[in-house]
Amino acid sequence: MDSPQKAETILRHVDEKGLSRKSIASVGNGMNDIELFRVSAFSIAFNPVHELVTEAATVKVESNDLRSILPYFERT
């Protein structure tokens, strides 16, 4: 799925469910995730493949363990 399609799909689901777009969080690593990051209130570049991916994301996580993103989603 390309980036515009990812972003459009997420936005459609959020709108259909009556959720706030501020509730969108995303995780990705490729150039195809940049548009998704742009519509997300919070985004994580996980082992990004390019600096542009890092720049588009809210935070960058470099790790071989996907569990390393969990602290960003824990409720307080």
Protein backbone atom coordinates (compact mmCIF):
# COMPACT_ATOMS: atom_id res chain seq x y z
CA MET A 1 0.00 0.00 0.00
CA ASP A 2 1.50 3.34 -0.98
CA SER A 3 1.66 6.34 1.32
CA PRO A 4 -1.32 8.37 0.07
CA GLN A 5 -3.44 5.24 0.21
CA LYS A 6 -2.30 4.54 3.81
CA ALA A 7 -3.10 8.09 4.87
CA GLU A 8 -6.47 8.11 3.10
CA THR A 9 -7.43 4.76 4.62
CA ILE A 10 -6.55 5.86 8.15
CA LEU A 11 -8.39 9.17 7.75
CA ARG A 12 -11.47 7.41 6.39
CA HIS A 13 -11.59 4.98 9.34
CA VAL A 14 -11.07 7.76 11.89
CA ASP A 15 -13.81 9.86 10.31
CA GLU A 16 -16.21 6.89 10.02
CA LYS A 17 -15.81 6.13 13.71
CA GLY A 18 -16.20 9.77 14.70
CA LEU A 19 -12.77 9.91 16.28
CA SER A 20 -10.53 12.93 16.47
CA ARG A 21 -7.68 13.05 14.04
CA LYS A 22 -5.58 13.83 17.09
CA SER A 23 -5.96 10.15 17.98
CA ILE A 24 -3.88 8.99 15.00
CA ALA A 25 -0.50 7.46 15.82
CA SER A 26 1.69 5.72 13.27
CA VAL A 27 4.92 3.77 13.00
CA GLY A 28 6.93 3.33 9.84
CA ASN A 29 10.40 3.25 8.38
CA GLY A 30 10.17 4.04 4.69
CA MET A 31 9.63 6.91 2.34
CA ASN A 32 6.16 5.50 1.69
CA ASP A 33 5.24 6.34 5.31
CA ILE A 34 5.91 10.08 5.11
CA GLU A 35 2.37 11.02 4.02
CA LEU A 36 0.96 8.84 6.79
CA PHE A 37 3.19 10.66 9.28
CA ARG A 38 1.83 13.98 8.01
CA VAL A 39 -1.75 13.06 8.91
CA SER A 40 -0.78 11.51 12.25
CA ALA A 41 -0.83 13.42 15.50
CA PHE A 42 2.13 11.31 16.62
CA SER A 43 4.52 9.26 14.52
CA ILE A 44 7.56 7.11 15.08
CA ALA A 45 10.28 6.54 12.52
CA PHE A 46 11.41 3.02 13.47
CA ASN A 47 14.85 2.30 12.02
CA PRO A 48 14.18 4.80 9.24
CA VAL A 49 15.74 4.14 5.86
CA HIS A 50 16.23 7.82 4.99
CA GLU A 51 16.71 11.11 6.81
CA LEU A 52 13.50 12.45 5.24
CA VAL A 53 11.56 9.76 7.10
CA THR A 54 13.13 10.91 10.37
CA GLU A 55 12.32 14.54 9.62
CA ALA A 56 8.66 13.72 8.93
CA ALA A 57 8.22 11.77 12.18
CA THR A 58 7.60 13.04 15.68
CA VAL A 59 10.34 10.80 17.10
CA LYS A 60 12.99 8.43 15.82
CA VAL A 61 13.65 5.05 17.40
CA GLU A 62 16.65 3.00 16.38
CA SER A 63 16.37 -0.51 17.68
CA ASN A 64 16.05 -4.07 16.47
CA ASP A 65 13.22 -4.66 18.93
CA LEU A 66 9.81 -3.23 18.10
CA ARG A 67 8.97 -3.31 21.80
CA SER A 68 11.24 -0.29 22.17
CA ILE A 69 8.36 1.92 20.94
CA LEU A 70 6.05 0.85 23.77
CA PRO A 71 7.08 3.64 26.18
CA TYR A 72 5.72 6.14 23.66
CA PHE A 73 2.27 4.55 23.89
CA GLU A 74 1.96 3.82 27.58
CA ARG A 75 -0.80 5.66 29.40
CA THR A 76 0.02 7.74 32.42
